[in-house]
Amino acid sequence: MTFFRQYIAPMLIVLIFLVALVAVTARAFLPSDLSAPAPIDDISFLLSVILFF
């Protein structure tokens, strides 16, 4: 258990952090149309989601 706490768990935390860092950084290199938020086509669907949650 000590081996897991001292070596494996910190390595997993660092790996998760690095994957998240790469994912966030990759957004800077996407074309402008892919890095924009998705358009909302149906406003009635959005209102029903907001009202019923």
PDB file of N, CA and C in Angstrom:
ATOM      1  N   MET A   1       0.822  -1.196   0.000  1.00  0.00           N
ATOM      2  CA  MET A   1       0.000   0.000   0.000  1.00  0.00           C
ATOM      3  C   MET A   1       0.866   1.259   0.000  1.00  0.00           C
ATOM      4  N   THR A   2       1.982   1.191   0.696  1.00  0.00           N
ATOM      5  CA  THR A   2       2.888   2.341   0.725  1.00  0.00           C
ATOM      6  C   THR A   2       3.458   2.613  -0.661  1.00  0.00           C
ATOM      7  N   PHE A   3       3.769   1.547  -1.394  1.00  0.00           N
ATOM      8  CA  PHE A   3       4.281   1.711  -2.757  1.00  0.00           C
ATOM      9  C   PHE A   3       3.268   2.446  -3.631  1.00  0.00           C
ATOM     10  N   PHE A   4       1.997   2.064  -3.491  1.00  0.00           N
ATOM     11  CA  PHE A   4       0.938   2.718  -4.274  1.00  0.00           C
ATOM     12  C   PHE A   4       0.844   4.198  -3.926  1.00  0.00           C
ATOM     13  N   ARG A   5       0.860   4.523  -2.636  1.00  0.00           N
ATOM     14  CA  ARG A   5       0.727   5.914  -2.194  1.00  0.00           C
ATOM     15  C   ARG A   5       1.929   6.767  -2.580  1.00  0.00           C
ATOM     16  N   GLN A   6       3.105   6.180  -2.578  1.00  0.00           N
ATOM     17  CA  GLN A   6       4.306   6.970  -2.840  1.00  0.00           C
ATOM     18  C   GLN A   6       4.655   7.075  -4.315  1.00  0.00           C
ATOM     19  N   TYR A   7       4.295   6.090  -5.108  1.00  0.00           N
ATOM     20  CA  TYR A   7       4.739   6.082  -6.498  1.00  0.00           C
ATOM     21  C   TYR A   7       3.591   6.109  -7.510  1.00  0.00           C
ATOM     22  N   ILE A   8       2.624   5.241  -7.354  1.00  0.00           N
ATOM     23  CA  ILE A   8       1.578   5.081  -8.362  1.00  0.00           C
ATOM     24  C   ILE A   8       0.577   6.230  -8.322  1.00  0.00           C
ATOM     25  N   ALA A   9       0.059   6.577  -7.157  1.00  0.00           N
ATOM     26  CA  ALA A   9      -0.951   7.635  -7.054  1.00  0.00           C
ATOM     27  C   ALA A   9      -0.420   8.989  -7.529  1.00  0.00           C
ATOM     28  N   PRO A  10       0.764   9.430  -7.112  1.00  0.00           N
ATOM     29  CA  PRO A  10       1.272  10.711  -7.641  1.00  0.00           C
ATOM     30  C   PRO A  10       1.495  10.674  -9.155  1.00  0.00           C
ATOM     31  N   MET A  11       1.932   9.521  -9.670  1.00  0.00           N
ATOM     32  CA  MET A  11       2.132   9.417 -11.108  1.00  0.00           C
ATOM     33  C   MET A  11       0.805   9.525 -11.850  1.00  0.00           C
ATOM     34  N   LEU A  12      -0.245   8.907 -11.318  1.00  0.00           N
ATOM     35  CA  LEU A  12      -1.563   9.014 -11.944  1.00  0.00           C
ATOM     36  C   LEU A  12      -2.071  10.452 -11.915  1.00  0.00           C
ATOM     37  N   ILE A  13      -1.860  11.145 -10.813  1.00  0.00           N
ATOM     38  CA  ILE A  13      -2.310  12.535 -10.709  1.00  0.00           C
ATOM     39  C   ILE A  13      -1.580  13.399 -11.722  1.00  0.00           C
ATOM     40  N   VAL A  14      -0.281  13.217 -11.857  1.00  0.00           N
ATOM     41  CA  VAL A  14       0.500  14.001 -12.818  1.00  0.00           C
ATOM     42  C   VAL A  14       0.076  13.674 -14.244  1.00  0.00           C
ATOM     43  N   LEU A  15      -0.178  12.405 -14.536  1.00  0.00           N
ATOM     44  CA  LEU A  15      -0.616  12.032 -15.886  1.00  0.00           C
ATOM     45  C   LEU A  15      -1.976  12.629 -16.229  1.00  0.00           C
ATOM     46  N   ILE A  16      -2.910  12.622 -15.281  1.00  0.00           N
ATOM     47  CA  ILE A  16      -4.227  13.229 -15.519  1.00  0.00           C
ATOM     48  C   ILE A  16      -4.079  14.725 -15.745  1.00  0.00           C
ATOM     49  N   PHE A  17      -3.225  15.372 -14.949  1.00  0.00           N
ATOM     50  CA  PHE A  17      -2.988  16.797 -15.135  1.00  0.00           C
ATOM     51  C   PHE A  17      -2.399  17.086 -16.513  1.00  0.00           C
ATOM     52  N   LEU A  18      -1.432  16.283 -16.948  1.00  0.00           N
ATOM     53  CA  LEU A  18      -0.806  16.517 -18.248  1.00  0.00           C
ATOM     54  C   LEU A  18      -1.781  16.298 -19.402  1.00  0.00           C
ATOM     55  N   VAL A  19      -2.637  15.293 -19.289  1.00  0.00           N
ATOM     56  CA  VAL A  19      -3.646  15.068 -20.333  1.00  0.00           C
ATOM     57  C   VAL A  19      -4.609  16.251 -20.407  1.00  0.00           C
ATOM     58  N   ALA A  20      -5.034  16.753 -19.258  1.00  0.00           N
ATOM     59  CA  ALA A  20      -5.929  17.911 -19.251  1.00  0.00           C
ATOM     60  C   ALA A  20      -5.222  19.143 -19.811  1.00  0.00           C
ATOM     61  N   LEU A  21      -3.957  19.320 -19.482  1.00  0.00           N
ATOM     62  CA  LEU A  21      -3.196  20.458 -19.997  1.00  0.00           C
ATOM     63  C   LEU A  21      -3.059  20.397 -21.509  1.00  0.00           C
ATOM     64  N   VAL A  22      -2.795  19.224 -22.040  1.00  0.00           N
ATOM     65  CA  VAL A  22      -2.684  19.063 -23.497  1.00  0.00           C
ATOM     66  C   VAL A  22      -4.035  19.324 -24.165  1.00  0.00           C
ATOM     67  N   ALA A  23      -5.111  18.844 -23.566  1.00  0.00           N
ATOM     68  CA  ALA A  23      -6.445  19.053 -24.154  1.00  0.00           C
ATOM     69  C   ALA A  23      -6.807  20.528 -24.187  1.00  0.00           C
ATOM     70  N   VAL A  24      -6.500  21.252 -23.126  1.00  0.00           N
ATOM     71  CA  VAL A  24      -6.830  22.677 -23.090  1.00  0.00           C
ATOM     72  C   VAL A  24      -5.923  23.459 -24.036  1.00  0.00           C
ATOM     73  N   THR A  25      -4.663  23.093 -24.096  1.00  0.00           N
ATOM     74  CA  THR A  25      -3.726  23.789 -24.974  1.00  0.00           C
ATOM     75  C   THR A  25      -4.049  23.526 -26.439  1.00  0.00           C
ATOM     76  N   ALA A  26      -4.546  22.358 -26.760  1.00  0.00           N
ATOM     77  CA  ALA A  26      -4.850  22.018 -28.150  1.00  0.00           C
ATOM     78  C   ALA A  26      -5.938  22.914 -28.725  1.00  0.00           C
ATOM     79  N   ARG A  27      -6.795  23.457 -27.871  1.00  0.00           N
ATOM     80  CA  ARG A  27      -7.849  24.357 -28.375  1.00  0.00           C
ATOM     81  C   ARG A  27      -7.269  25.586 -29.054  1.00  0.00           C
ATOM     82  N   ALA A  28      -6.085  26.021 -28.668  1.00  0.00           N
ATOM     83  CA  ALA A  28      -5.478  27.196 -29.276  1.00  0.00           C
ATOM     84  C   ALA A  28      -5.086  26.936 -30.726  1.00  0.00           C
ATOM     85  N   PHE A  29      -4.868  25.685 -31.101  1.00  0.00           N
ATOM     86  CA  PHE A  29      -4.420  25.361 -32.451  1.00  0.00           C
ATOM     87  C   PHE A  29      -5.540  24.885 -33.357  1.00  0.00           C
ATOM     88  N   LEU A  30      -6.765  24.829 -32.838  1.00  0.00           N
ATOM     89  CA  LEU A  30      -7.896  24.438 -33.674  1.00  0.00           C
ATOM     90  C   LEU A  30      -8.269  25.589 -34.604  1.00  0.00           C
ATOM     91  N   PRO A  31      -8.849  25.267 -35.759  1.00  0.00           N
ATOM     92  CA  PRO A  31      -9.359  26.341 -36.610  1.00  0.00           C
ATOM     93  C   PRO A  31     -10.439  27.131 -35.867  1.00  0.00           C
ATOM     94  N   SER A  32     -10.634  28.358 -36.267  1.00  0.00           N
ATOM     95  CA  SER A  32     -11.553  29.233 -35.529  1.00  0.00           C
ATOM     96  C   SER A  32     -12.979  28.689 -35.489  1.00  0.00           C
ATOM     97  N   ASP A  33     -13.406  27.985 -36.529  1.00  0.00           N
ATOM     98  CA  ASP A  33     -14.782  27.474 -36.510  1.00  0.00           C
ATOM     99  C   ASP A  33     -14.936  26.287 -35.558  1.00  0.00           C
ATOM    100  N   LEU A  34     -13.854  25.572 -35.236  1.00  0.00           N
ATOM    101  CA  LEU A  34     -13.950  24.447 -34.321  1.00  0.00           C
ATOM    102  C   LEU A  34     -13.773  24.864 -32.866  1.00  0.00           C
ATOM    103  N   SER A  35     -13.116  25.996 -32.636  1.00  0.00           N
ATOM    104  CA  SER A  35     -12.874  26.400 -31.258  1.00  0.00           C
ATOM    105  C   SER A  35     -14.011  27.246 -30.690  1.00  0.00           C
ATOM    106  N   ALA A  36     -14.958  27.636 -31.530  1.00  0.00           N
ATOM    107  CA  ALA A  36     -16.101  28.418 -31.066  1.00  0.00           C
ATOM    108  C   ALA A  36     -17.115  27.497 -30.400  1.00  0.00           C
ATOM    109  N   PRO A  37     -17.935  28.054 -29.510  1.00  0.00           N
ATOM    110  CA  PRO A  37     -18.981  27.219 -28.905  1.00  0.00           C
ATOM    111  C   PRO A  37     -19.996  26.747 -29.952  1.00  0.00           C
ATOM    112  N   ALA A  38     -20.631  25.648 -29.652  1.00  0.00           N
ATOM    113  CA  ALA A  38     -21.612  25.106 -30.581  1.00  0.00           C
ATOM    114  C   ALA A  38     -22.821  26.029 -30.675  1.00  0.00           C
ATOM    115  N   PRO A  39     -23.342  26.239 -31.859  1.00  0.00           N
ATOM    116  CA  PRO A  39     -24.525  27.096 -32.003  1.00  0.00           C
ATOM    117  C   PRO A  39     -25.776  26.425 -31.441  1.00  0.00           C
ATOM    118  N   ILE A  40     -26.670  27.229 -30.939  1.00  0.00           N
ATOM    119  CA  ILE A  40     -27.947  26.721 -30.424  1.00  0.00           C
ATOM    120  C   ILE A  40     -28.999  26.998 -31.486  1.00  0.00           C
ATOM    121  N   ASP A  41     -29.519  25.934 -32.107  1.00  0.00           N
ATOM    122  CA  ASP A  41     -30.482  26.093 -33.187  1.00  0.00           C
ATOM    123  C   ASP A  41     -31.914  26.158 -32.676  1.00  0.00           C
ATOM    124  N   ASP A  42     -32.225  25.374 -31.649  1.00  0.00           N
ATOM    125  CA  ASP A  42     -33.604  25.278 -31.192  1.00  0.00           C
ATOM    126  C   ASP A  42     -33.721  25.877 -29.789  1.00  0.00           C
ATOM    127  N   ILE A  43     -34.212  27.099 -29.711  1.00  0.00           N
ATOM    128  CA  ILE A  43     -34.302  27.792 -28.422  1.00  0.00           C
ATOM    129  C   ILE A  43     -35.392  27.191 -27.545  1.00  0.00           C
ATOM    130  N   SER A  44     -36.417  26.582 -28.131  1.00  0.00           N
ATOM    131  CA  SER A  44     -37.474  25.981 -27.320  1.00  0.00           C
ATOM    132  C   SER A  44     -36.947  24.769 -26.540  1.00  0.00           C
ATOM    133  N   PHE A  45     -36.032  24.016 -27.148  1.00  0.00           N
ATOM    134  CA  PHE A  45     -35.420  22.891 -26.436  1.00  0.00           C
ATOM    135  C   PHE A  45     -34.611  23.392 -25.252  1.00  0.00           C
ATOM    136  N   LEU A  46     -33.872  24.464 -25.457  1.00  0.00           N
ATOM    137  CA  LEU A  46     -33.063  25.033 -24.376  1.00  0.00           C
ATOM    138  C   LEU A  46     -33.954  25.521 -23.246  1.00  0.00           C
ATOM    139  N   LEU A  47     -35.040  26.186 -23.567  1.00  0.00           N
ATOM    140  CA  LEU A  47     -35.940  26.681 -22.531  1.00  0.00           C
ATOM    141  C   LEU A  47     -36.595  25.528 -21.760  1.00  0.00           C
ATOM    142  N   SER A  48     -36.953  24.467 -22.452  1.00  0.00           N
ATOM    143  CA  SER A  48     -37.559  23.330 -21.755  1.00  0.00           C
ATOM    144  C   SER A  48     -36.563  22.655 -20.829  1.00  0.00           C
ATOM    145  N   VAL A  49     -35.294  22.607 -21.216  1.00  0.00           N
ATOM    146  CA  VAL A  49     -34.270  22.028 -20.339  1.00  0.00           C
ATOM    147  C   VAL A  49     -34.085  22.888 -19.107  1.00  0.00           C
ATOM    148  N   ILE A  50     -34.049  24.199 -19.282  1.00  0.00           N
ATOM    149  CA  ILE A  50     -33.861  25.114 -18.159  1.00  0.00           C
ATOM    150  C   ILE A  50     -35.051  25.076 -17.210  1.00  0.00           C
ATOM    151  N   LEU A  51     -36.262  25.049 -17.752  1.00  0.00           N
ATOM    152  CA  LEU A  51     -37.454  25.116 -16.926  1.00  0.00           C
ATOM    153  C   LEU A  51     -37.731  23.824 -16.155  1.00  0.00           C
ATOM    154  N   PHE A  52     -37.323  22.685 -16.715  1.00  0.00           N
ATOM    155  CA  PHE A  52     -37.668  21.420 -16.082  1.00  0.00           C
ATOM    156  C   PHE A  52     -36.549  20.857 -15.224  1.00  0.00           C
ATOM    157  N   PHE A  53     -35.437  21.580 -15.060  1.00  0.00           N
ATOM    158  CA  PHE A  53     -34.363  21.104 -14.178  1.00  0.00           C
ATOM    159  C   PHE A  53     -34.164  22.023 -13.029  1.00  0.00           C
TER     160      PHE A  53
END
